[in-house]
């Protein structure tokens, strides 16, 4: 998912190079690609809508720092929102009950079965 998202972002960020501000117009196309990449990665639609809206709110009208390009600033915002969406800290497993029930979820081909077999 992240490699696809990175490829799509790098292609669309070319459109906002040289801008002093991130505006609605130059962020709209980039957000469309982010939305597509997340949906292709089987992320739930309500999560995608919420994520894109939060990124839009933070990005539009934001001044670009002198050390960053507009593309880098946008990537920084997307990274921070992804971290906030997926969780900023690792949570420990509560394995006090026996047998413990653990849900393994992931994308197709991500190695869920192999991981469970190794744990077993």
Protein backbone atom coordinates (compact mmCIF):
# COMPACT_ATOMS: atom_id res chain seq x y z
CA UNK A 1 0.00 0.00 0.00
CA UNK A 2 2.73 2.44 0.98
CA UNK A 3 4.78 1.87 -2.18
CA UNK A 4 1.72 2.46 -4.37
CA UNK A 5 0.85 5.55 -2.38
CA UNK A 6 4.44 6.81 -2.67
CA UNK A 7 4.48 6.31 -6.45
CA UNK A 8 1.17 8.10 -6.93
CA UNK A 9 2.19 10.96 -4.64
CA UNK A 10 5.49 11.50 -6.43
CA UNK A 11 3.68 11.73 -9.77
CA UNK A 12 1.07 14.19 -8.57
CA UNK A 13 3.37 16.32 -6.40
CA UNK A 14 5.06 17.61 -9.54
CA UNK A 15 2.00 19.78 -10.08
CA UNK A 16 2.55 21.76 -6.86
CA UNK A 17 6.27 22.42 -7.28
CA UNK A 18 7.25 26.06 -7.17
CA UNK A 19 4.13 27.17 -5.30
CA UNK A 20 4.51 29.31 -2.19
CA UNK A 21 1.25 28.07 -0.64
CA UNK A 22 -0.75 24.90 -0.71
CA UNK A 23 -4.12 25.95 -2.16
CA UNK A 24 -7.37 24.07 -2.80
CA UNK A 25 -6.62 23.86 -6.52
CA UNK A 26 -3.11 22.45 -6.27
CA UNK A 27 -4.05 20.02 -3.45
CA UNK A 28 -7.25 18.67 -5.06
CA UNK A 29 -5.56 16.46 -7.67
CA UNK A 30 -3.06 15.12 -5.18
CA UNK A 31 -5.82 14.22 -2.71
CA UNK A 32 -7.71 12.44 -5.49
CA UNK A 33 -4.67 10.20 -6.08
CA UNK A 34 -4.27 9.59 -2.33
CA UNK A 35 -7.95 8.61 -2.16
CA UNK A 36 -7.58 6.20 -5.10
CA UNK A 37 -4.45 4.60 -3.67
CA UNK A 38 -6.10 4.04 -0.28
CA UNK A 39 -9.25 2.58 -1.86
CA UNK A 40 -7.16 0.25 -4.05
CA UNK A 41 -5.41 -0.90 -0.86
CA UNK A 42 -8.83 -1.98 0.53
CA UNK A 43 -9.10 0.77 3.13
CA UNK A 44 -12.72 1.31 4.22
CA UNK A 45 -14.50 4.19 2.47
CA UNK A 46 -15.49 6.07 5.68
CA UNK A 47 -11.87 5.94 6.85
CA UNK A 48 -10.65 7.25 3.48
CA UNK A 49 -13.18 10.10 3.46
CA UNK A 50 -12.26 11.13 7.00
CA UNK A 51 -8.53 10.90 6.26
CA UNK A 52 -8.74 12.95 3.05
CA UNK A 53 -10.85 15.62 4.75
CA UNK A 54 -8.36 15.95 7.64
CA UNK A 55 -5.45 16.25 5.19
CA UNK A 56 -7.35 18.87 3.16
CA UNK A 57 -8.10 20.93 6.28
CA UNK A 58 -4.44 20.91 7.33
CA UNK A 59 -2.94 21.45 3.88
CA UNK A 60 -5.07 24.15 2.26
CA UNK A 61 -3.72 27.62 2.91
CA UNK A 62 -0.69 26.43 4.80
CA UNK A 63 2.48 28.40 4.25
CA UNK A 64 5.35 26.31 2.95
CA UNK A 65 8.43 26.51 5.12
CA UNK A 66 11.59 27.81 3.43
CA UNK A 67 13.45 24.53 3.96
CA UNK A 68 10.68 22.41 2.37
CA UNK A 69 9.12 22.34 -1.07
CA UNK A 70 5.31 22.29 -1.32
CA UNK A 71 5.47 18.60 -2.21
CA UNK A 72 7.57 17.79 0.83
CA UNK A 73 5.23 19.82 3.05
CA UNK A 74 2.24 17.89 1.70
CA UNK A 75 3.99 14.53 2.22
CA UNK A 76 4.77 15.58 5.80
CA UNK A 77 1.07 16.32 6.42
CA UNK A 78 0.01 12.99 4.89
CA UNK A 79 2.57 11.11 7.00
CA UNK A 80 1.39 12.78 10.22
CA UNK A 81 -2.26 11.99 9.43
CA UNK A 82 -1.42 8.36 8.56
CA UNK A 83 0.36 8.02 11.90
CA UNK A 84 -2.63 9.52 13.71
CA UNK A 85 -5.06 7.24 11.86
CA UNK A 86 -3.14 4.01 12.40
CA UNK A 87 -2.16 4.81 15.97
CA UNK A 88 0.85 6.64 17.31
CA UNK A 89 1.91 3.99 19.83
CA UNK A 90 1.98 0.21 19.93
CA UNK A 91 -0.55 -1.44 22.17
CA UNK A 92 0.33 -4.59 24.04
CA UNK A 93 -1.76 -7.75 23.69
CA UNK A 94 -3.92 -8.79 26.64
CA UNK A 95 -3.17 -12.52 26.71
CA UNK A 96 -4.41 -13.21 30.24
CA UNK A 97 -7.31 -15.45 29.19
CA UNK A 98 -6.69 -18.95 27.91
CA UNK A 99 -7.09 -19.59 25.05
CA UNK A 100 -6.50 -16.07 23.76
CA UNK A 101 -8.32 -15.04 20.59
CA UNK A 102 -6.29 -12.89 18.20
CA UNK A 103 -7.59 -11.44 14.93
CA UNK A 104 -5.08 -11.36 12.09
CA UNK A 105 -6.06 -8.85 9.42
CA UNK A 106 -4.16 -7.62 6.41
CA UNK A 107 -4.06 -7.27 2.67
CA UNK A 108 -4.15 -10.25 0.35
CA UNK A 109 -0.67 -11.72 0.02
CA UNK A 110 0.70 -9.87 3.05
CA UNK A 111 1.75 -13.08 4.88
CA UNK A 112 -1.01 -13.54 7.46
CA UNK A 113 -1.11 -17.33 7.14
CA UNK A 114 2.66 -17.66 7.28
CA UNK A 115 2.85 -15.43 10.37
CA UNK A 116 0.14 -17.40 12.17
CA UNK A 117 1.85 -20.68 11.30
CA UNK A 118 5.15 -19.38 12.71
CA UNK A 119 3.43 -18.20 15.90
CA UNK A 120 1.68 -21.57 16.28
